[in-house]
PDB file of N, CA and C in Angstrom:
ATOM      1  N   MET A   1      87.059 151.007 167.574  1.00  0.00           N
ATOM      2  CA  MET A   1      87.049 152.358 167.072  1.00  0.00           C
ATOM      3  C   MET A   1      86.034 153.149 167.884  1.00  0.00           C
ATOM      4  N   LYS A   2      86.412 154.336 168.266  1.00  0.00           N
ATOM      5  CA  LYS A   2      85.489 155.194 169.003  1.00  0.00           C
ATOM      6  C   LYS A   2      84.347 155.623 168.100  1.00  0.00           C
ATOM      7  N   ARG A   3      83.192 155.850 168.717  1.00  0.00           N
ATOM      8  CA  ARG A   3      81.986 156.189 167.964  1.00  0.00           C
ATOM      9  C   ARG A   3      82.171 157.446 167.107  1.00  0.00           C
ATOM     10  N   ASP A   4      82.781 158.482 167.653  1.00  0.00           N
ATOM     11  CA  ASP A   4      82.932 159.712 166.868  1.00  0.00           C
ATOM     12  C   ASP A   4      83.806 159.474 165.632  1.00  0.00           C
ATOM     13  N   THR A   5      84.806 158.620 165.770  1.00  0.00           N
ATOM     14  CA  THR A   5      85.649 158.267 164.624  1.00  0.00           C
ATOM     15  C   THR A   5      84.846 157.434 163.634  1.00  0.00           C
ATOM     16  N   ALA A   6      84.040 156.514 164.127  1.00  0.00           N
ATOM     17  CA  ALA A   6      83.210 155.671 163.262  1.00  0.00           C
ATOM     18  C   ALA A   6      82.238 156.512 162.440  1.00  0.00           C
ATOM     19  N   ILE A   7      81.658 157.517 163.043  1.00  0.00           N
ATOM     20  CA  ILE A   7      80.718 158.398 162.335  1.00  0.00           C
ATOM     21  C   ILE A   7      81.417 159.119 161.190  1.00  0.00           C
ATOM     22  N   VAL A   8      82.575 159.681 161.476  1.00  0.00           N
ATOM     23  CA  VAL A   8      83.335 160.409 160.448  1.00  0.00           C
ATOM     24  C   VAL A   8      83.797 159.453 159.348  1.00  0.00           C
ATOM     25  N   PHE A   9      84.250 158.277 159.746  1.00  0.00           N
ATOM     26  CA  PHE A   9      84.722 157.280 158.793  1.00  0.00           C
ATOM     27  C   PHE A   9      83.593 156.836 157.873  1.00  0.00           C
ATOM     28  N   MET A  10      82.433 156.537 158.451  1.00  0.00           N
ATOM     29  CA  MET A  10      81.285 156.095 157.653  1.00  0.00           C
ATOM     30  C   MET A  10      80.860 157.192 156.685  1.00  0.00           C
ATOM     31  N   ASP A  11      80.849 158.416 157.140  1.00  0.00           N
ATOM     32  CA  ASP A  11      80.496 159.534 156.267  1.00  0.00           C
ATOM     33  C   ASP A  11      81.449 159.610 155.079  1.00  0.00           C
ATOM     34  N   ALA A  12      82.733 159.451 155.339  1.00  0.00           N
ATOM     35  CA  ALA A  12      83.729 159.492 154.260  1.00  0.00           C
ATOM     36  C   ALA A  12      83.521 158.329 153.294  1.00  0.00           C
ATOM     37  N   LEU A  13      83.224 157.150 153.817  1.00  0.00           N
ATOM     38  CA  LEU A  13      82.965 156.008 152.948  1.00  0.00           C
ATOM     39  C   LEU A  13      81.762 156.261 152.046  1.00  0.00           C
ATOM     40  N   LEU A  14      80.706 156.813 152.611  1.00  0.00           N
ATOM     41  CA  LEU A  14      79.495 157.073 151.831  1.00  0.00           C
ATOM     42  C   LEU A  14      79.734 158.124 150.748  1.00  0.00           C
ATOM     43  N   ARG A  15      80.583 159.082 151.028  1.00  0.00           N
ATOM     44  CA  ARG A  15      80.891 160.107 150.032  1.00  0.00           C
ATOM     45  C   ARG A  15      81.716 159.565 148.875  1.00  0.00           C
ATOM     46  N   MET A  16      82.305 158.393 149.055  1.00  0.00           N
ATOM     47  CA  MET A  16      83.093 157.784 147.987  1.00  0.00           C
ATOM     48  C   MET A  16      82.211 157.184 146.893  1.00  0.00           C
ATOM     49  N   GLY A  17      80.960 156.907 147.195  1.00  0.00           N
ATOM     50  CA  GLY A  17      80.054 156.299 146.225  1.00  0.00           C
ATOM     51  C   GLY A  17      80.023 156.994 144.882  1.00  0.00           C
ATOM     52  N   PRO A  18      79.785 158.307 144.859  1.00  0.00           N
ATOM     53  CA  PRO A  18      79.773 159.005 143.567  1.00  0.00           C
ATOM     54  C   PRO A  18      81.109 158.925 142.824  1.00  0.00           C
ATOM     55  N   SER A  19      82.208 158.889 143.547  1.00  0.00           N
ATOM     56  CA  SER A  19      83.514 158.764 142.895  1.00  0.00           C
ATOM     57  C   SER A  19      83.656 157.403 142.223  1.00  0.00           C
ATOM     58  N   PHE A  20      83.187 156.350 142.881  1.00  0.00           N
ATOM     59  CA  PHE A  20      83.219 155.028 142.269  1.00  0.00           C
ATOM     60  C   PHE A  20      82.324 154.990 141.037  1.00  0.00           C
ATOM     61  N   ASP A  21      81.166 155.642 141.120  1.00  0.00           N
ATOM     62  CA  ASP A  21      80.278 155.711 139.962  1.00  0.00           C
ATOM     63  C   ASP A  21      80.960 156.425 138.803  1.00  0.00           C
ATOM     64  N   GLU A  22      81.641 157.510 139.104  1.00  0.00           N
ATOM     65  CA  GLU A  22      82.348 158.260 138.068  1.00  0.00           C
ATOM     66  C   GLU A  22      83.442 157.409 137.426  1.00  0.00           C
ATOM     67  N   LEU A  23      84.210 156.725 138.258  1.00  0.00           N
ATOM     68  CA  LEU A  23      85.263 155.856 137.726  1.00  0.00           C
ATOM     69  C   LEU A  23      84.674 154.776 136.819  1.00  0.00           C
ATOM     70  N   THR A  24      83.589 154.178 137.264  1.00  0.00           N
ATOM     71  CA  THR A  24      82.943 153.143 136.466  1.00  0.00           C
ATOM     72  C   THR A  24      82.474 153.700 135.128  1.00  0.00           C
ATOM     73  N   ASN A  25      81.873 154.870 135.145  1.00  0.00           N
ATOM     74  CA  ASN A  25      81.406 155.480 133.902  1.00  0.00           C
ATOM     75  C   ASN A  25      82.554 155.789 132.946  1.00  0.00           C
ATOM     76  N   ILE A  26      83.680 156.192 133.475  1.00  0.00           N
ATOM     77  CA  ILE A  26      84.843 156.492 132.634  1.00  0.00           C
ATOM     78  C   ILE A  26      85.330 155.243 131.912  1.00  0.00           C
ATOM     79  N   THR A  27      85.144 154.080 132.525  1.00  0.00           N
ATOM     80  CA  THR A  27      85.643 152.854 131.897  1.00  0.00           C
ATOM     81  C   THR A  27      84.992 152.585 130.552  1.00  0.00           C
ATOM     82  N   TYR A  28      83.816 153.141 130.318  1.00  0.00           N
ATOM     83  CA  TYR A  28      83.164 152.945 129.025  1.00  0.00           C
ATOM     84  C   TYR A  28      83.956 153.583 127.883  1.00  0.00           C
ATOM     85  N   GLN A  29      84.872 154.466 128.227  1.00  0.00           N
ATOM     86  CA  GLN A  29      85.705 155.122 127.221  1.00  0.00           C
ATOM     87  C   GLN A  29      86.928 154.277 126.853  1.00  0.00           C
ATOM     88  N   ILE A  30      87.185 153.224 127.592  1.00  0.00           N
ATOM     89  CA  ILE A  30      88.337 152.365 127.316  1.00  0.00           C
ATOM     90  C   ILE A  30      87.953 151.418 126.186  1.00  0.00           C
ATOM     91  N   GLU A  31      88.606 151.571 125.056  1.00  0.00           N
ATOM     92  CA  GLU A  31      88.244 150.797 123.868  1.00  0.00           C
ATOM     93  C   GLU A  31      88.634 149.329 123.969  1.00  0.00           C
ATOM     94  N   ASP A  32      89.783 149.070 124.549  1.00  0.00           N
ATOM     95  CA  ASP A  32      90.261 147.687 124.639  1.00  0.00           C
ATOM     96  C   ASP A  32      89.429 146.939 125.691  1.00  0.00           C
ATOM     97  N   GLU A  33      88.695 145.935 125.257  1.00  0.00           N
ATOM     98  CA  GLU A  33      87.792 145.217 126.150  1.00  0.00           C
ATOM     99  C   GLU A  33      88.521 144.536 127.304  1.00  0.00           C
ATOM    100  N   THR A  34      89.668 143.941 127.028  1.00  0.00           N
ATOM    101  CA  THR A  34      90.436 143.273 128.075  1.00  0.00           C
ATOM    102  C   THR A  34      90.869 144.268 129.142  1.00  0.00           C
ATOM    103  N   GLU A  35      91.362 145.410 128.706  1.00  0.00           N
ATOM    104  CA  GLU A  35      91.787 146.440 129.662  1.00  0.00           C
ATOM    105  C   GLU A  35      90.587 146.979 130.430  1.00  0.00           C
ATOM    106  N   ARG A  36      89.479 147.232 129.724  1.00  0.00           N
ATOM    107  CA  ARG A  36      88.268 147.752 130.372  1.00  0.00           C
ATOM    108  C   ARG A  36      87.795 146.795 131.462  1.00  0.00           C
ATOM    109  N   LYS A  37      87.772 145.495 131.161  1.00  0.00           N
ATOM    110  CA  LYS A  37      87.333 144.510 132.152  1.00  0.00           C
ATOM    111  C   LYS A  37      88.283 144.468 133.347  1.00  0.00           C
ATOM    112  N   PHE A  38      89.587 144.563 133.074  1.00  0.00           N
ATOM    113  CA  PHE A  38      90.569 144.571 134.159  1.00  0.00           C
ATOM    114  C   PHE A  38      90.329 145.768 135.087  1.00  0.00           C
ATOM    115  N   ILE A  39      90.177 146.943 134.504  1.00  0.00           N
ATOM    116  CA  ILE A  39      89.969 148.163 135.301  1.00  0.00           C
ATOM    117  C   ILE A  39      88.665 148.055 136.084  1.00  0.00           C
ATOM    118  N   ARG A  40      87.618 147.577 135.472  1.00  0.00           N
ATOM    119  CA  ARG A  40      86.326 147.450 136.161  1.00  0.00           C
ATOM    120  C   ARG A  40      86.414 146.454 137.320  1.00  0.00           C
ATOM    121  N   ARG A  41      87.187 145.372 137.143  1.00  0.00           N
ATOM    122  CA  ARG A  41      87.368 144.424 138.249  1.00  0.00           C
ATOM    123  C   ARG A  41      88.098 145.082 139.418  1.00  0.00           C
ATOM    124  N   GLN A  42      89.075 145.927 139.110  1.00  0.00           N
ATOM    125  CA  GLN A  42      89.814 146.620 140.168  1.00  0.00           C
ATOM    126  C   GLN A  42      88.896 147.580 140.920  1.00  0.00           C
ATOM    127  N   ILE A  43      88.065 148.293 140.188  1.00  0.00           N
ATOM    128  CA  ILE A  43      87.104 149.207 140.819  1.00  0.00           C
ATOM    129  C   ILE A  43      86.140 148.411 141.695  1.00  0.00           C
ATOM    130  N   ALA A  44      85.636 147.307 141.174  1.00  0.00           N
ATOM    131  CA  ALA A  44      84.707 146.469 141.947  1.00  0.00           C
ATOM    132  C   ALA A  44      85.361 145.945 143.217  1.00  0.00           C
ATOM    133  N   SER A  45      86.617 145.567 143.114  1.00  0.00           N
ATOM    134  CA  SER A  45      87.341 145.070 144.283  1.00  0.00           C
ATOM    135  C   SER A  45      87.469 146.162 145.345  1.00  0.00           C
ATOM    136  N   ALA A  46      87.785 147.367 144.913  1.00  0.00           N
ATOM    137  CA  ALA A  46      87.897 148.489 145.851  1.00  0.00           C
ATOM    138  C   ALA A  46      86.539 148.799 146.475  1.00  0.00           C
ATOM    139  N   MET A  47      85.498 148.751 145.666  1.00  0.00           N
ATOM    140  CA  MET A  47      84.150 149.002 146.190  1.00  0.00           C
ATOM    141  C   MET A  47      83.776 147.950 147.224  1.00  0.00           C
ATOM    142  N   GLN A  48      84.128 146.706 146.950  1.00  0.00           N
ATOM    143  CA  GLN A  48      83.845 145.617 147.888  1.00  0.00           C
ATOM    144  C   GLN A  48      84.560 145.843 149.205  1.00  0.00           C
ATOM    145  N   SER A  49      85.827 146.178 149.123  1.00  0.00           N
ATOM    146  CA  SER A  49      86.634 146.366 150.327  1.00  0.00           C
ATOM    147  C   SER A  49      86.184 147.581 151.118  1.00  0.00           C
ATOM    148  N   LEU A  50      86.083 148.707 150.454  1.00  0.00           N
ATOM    149  CA  LEU A  50      85.745 149.946 151.152  1.00  0.00           C
ATOM    150  C   LEU A  50      84.247 150.090 151.388  1.00  0.00           C
ATOM    151  N   GLY A  51      83.481 149.833 150.338  1.00  0.00           N
ATOM    152  CA  GLY A  51      82.047 150.069 150.431  1.00  0.00           C
ATOM    153  C   GLY A  51      81.298 149.049 151.247  1.00  0.00           C
ATOM    154  N   TYR A  52      81.839 147.858 151.344  1.00  0.00           N
ATOM    155  CA  TYR A  52      81.138 146.833 152.107  1.00  0.00           C
ATOM    156  C   TYR A  52      81.911 146.397 153.346  1.00  0.00           C
ATOM    157  N   GLU A  53      83.115 145.898 153.158  1.00  0.00           N
ATOM    158  CA  GLU A  53      83.874 145.343 154.284  1.00  0.00           C
ATOM    159  C   GLU A  53      84.118 146.382 155.381  1.00  0.00           C
ATOM    160  N   MET A  54      84.569 147.564 154.998  1.00  0.00           N
ATOM    161  CA  MET A  54      84.847 148.598 156.002  1.00  0.00           C
ATOM    162  C   MET A  54      83.549 149.101 156.637  1.00  0.00           C
ATOM    163  N   ALA A  55      82.527 149.298 155.814  1.00  0.00           N
ATOM    164  CA  ALA A  55      81.241 149.758 156.349  1.00  0.00           C
ATOM    165  C   ALA A  55      80.661 148.733 157.321  1.00  0.00           C
ATOM    166  N   MET A  56      80.728 147.456 156.968  1.00  0.00           N
ATOM    167  CA  MET A  56      80.189 146.422 157.847  1.00  0.00           C
ATOM    168  C   MET A  56      80.990 146.301 159.136  1.00  0.00           C
ATOM    169  N   HIS A  57      82.277 146.569 159.061  1.00  0.00           N
ATOM    170  CA  HIS A  57      83.100 146.582 160.267  1.00  0.00           C
ATOM    171  C   HIS A  57      82.554 147.624 161.250  1.00  0.00           C
ATOM    172  N   ILE A  58      82.199 148.769 160.733  1.00  0.00           N
ATOM    173  CA  ILE A  58      81.637 149.843 161.572  1.00  0.00           C
ATOM    174  C   ILE A  58      80.236 149.463 162.046  1.00  0.00           C
ATOM    175  N   VAL A  59      79.396 148.955 161.146  1.00  0.00           N
ATOM    176  CA  VAL A  59      78.014 148.628 161.491  1.00  0.00           C
ATOM    177  C   VAL A  59      77.942 147.531 162.551  1.00  0.00           C
ATOM    178  N   ARG A  60      78.872 146.593 162.522  1.00  0.00           N
ATOM    179  CA  ARG A  60      78.879 145.556 163.558  1.00  0.00           C
ATOM    180  C   ARG A  60      79.093 146.174 164.949  1.00  0.00           C
ATOM    181  N   GLN A  61      79.894 147.234 165.002  1.00  0.00           N
ATOM    182  CA  GLN A  61      80.136 147.906 166.287  1.00  0.00           C
ATOM    183  C   GLN A  61      79.016 148.876 166.642  1.00  0.00           C
ATOM    184  N   TYR A  62      78.475 149.536 165.615  1.00  0.00           N
ATOM    185  CA  TYR A  62      77.454 150.565 165.814  1.00  0.00           C
ATOM    186  C   TYR A  62      76.323 150.341 164.811  1.00  0.00           C
ATOM    187  N   PRO A  63      75.413 149.430 165.113  1.00  0.00           N
ATOM    188  CA  PRO A  63      74.337 149.094 164.171  1.00  0.00           C
ATOM    189  C   PRO A  63      73.492 150.289 163.736  1.00  0.00           C
ATOM    190  N   ASP A  64      73.394 151.287 164.569  1.00  0.00           N
ATOM    191  CA  ASP A  64      72.588 152.453 164.213  1.00  0.00           C
ATOM    192  C   ASP A  64      73.227 153.308 163.111  1.00  0.00           C
ATOM    193  N   LEU A  65      74.486 153.044 162.796  1.00  0.00           N
ATOM    194  CA  LEU A  65      75.158 153.786 161.725  1.00  0.00           C
ATOM    195  C   LEU A  65      74.986 153.116 160.359  1.00  0.00           C
ATOM    196  N   ASP A  66      74.225 152.028 160.312  1.00  0.00           N
ATOM    197  CA  ASP A  66      73.992 151.330 159.053  1.00  0.00           C
ATOM    198  C   ASP A  66      73.258 152.256 158.087  1.00  0.00           C
ATOM    199  N   PRO A  67      73.890 152.621 156.971  1.00  0.00           N
ATOM    200  CA  PRO A  67      73.241 153.544 156.037  1.00  0.00           C
ATOM    201  C   PRO A  67      71.996 152.958 155.380  1.00  0.00           C
ATOM    202  N   ASP A  68      71.866 151.651 155.343  1.00  0.00           N
ATOM    203  CA  ASP A  68      70.686 151.011 154.761  1.00  0.00           C
ATOM    204  C   ASP A  68      69.479 151.085 155.689  1.00  0.00           C
ATOM    205  N   LYS A  69      69.699 151.418 156.940  1.00  0.00           N
ATOM    206  CA  LYS A  69      68.592 151.466 157.901  1.00  0.00           C
ATOM    207  C   LYS A  69      68.230 152.887 158.298  1.00  0.00           C
ATOM    208  N   LYS A  70      68.888 153.861 157.659  1.00  0.00           N
ATOM    209  CA  LYS A  70      68.553 155.269 157.935  1.00  0.00           C
ATOM    210  C   LYS A  70      67.471 155.689 156.962  1.00  0.00           C
ATOM    211  N   GLY A  71      66.686 156.612 157.376  1.00  0.00           N
ATOM    212  CA  GLY A  71      65.745 157.031 156.377  1.00  0.00           C
ATOM    213  C   GLY A  71      64.620 157.783 156.904  1.00  0.00           C
TER     214      GLY A  71
END
């Protein structure tokens, strides 16, 4: 992936964080515990894939784009 694409992609991934937080918070409104746990597992799976796997794919190519090392 070209660096300029990686920068834009990483930015988009980071902006997804608040949306995942919002989705997680909404799950507290689901009364059925089995359904709530199922939905939360799906959210966690998406967070793992997008928030970690995709981000690490970019960071391996461009270590300076690691959001944990900016500051």
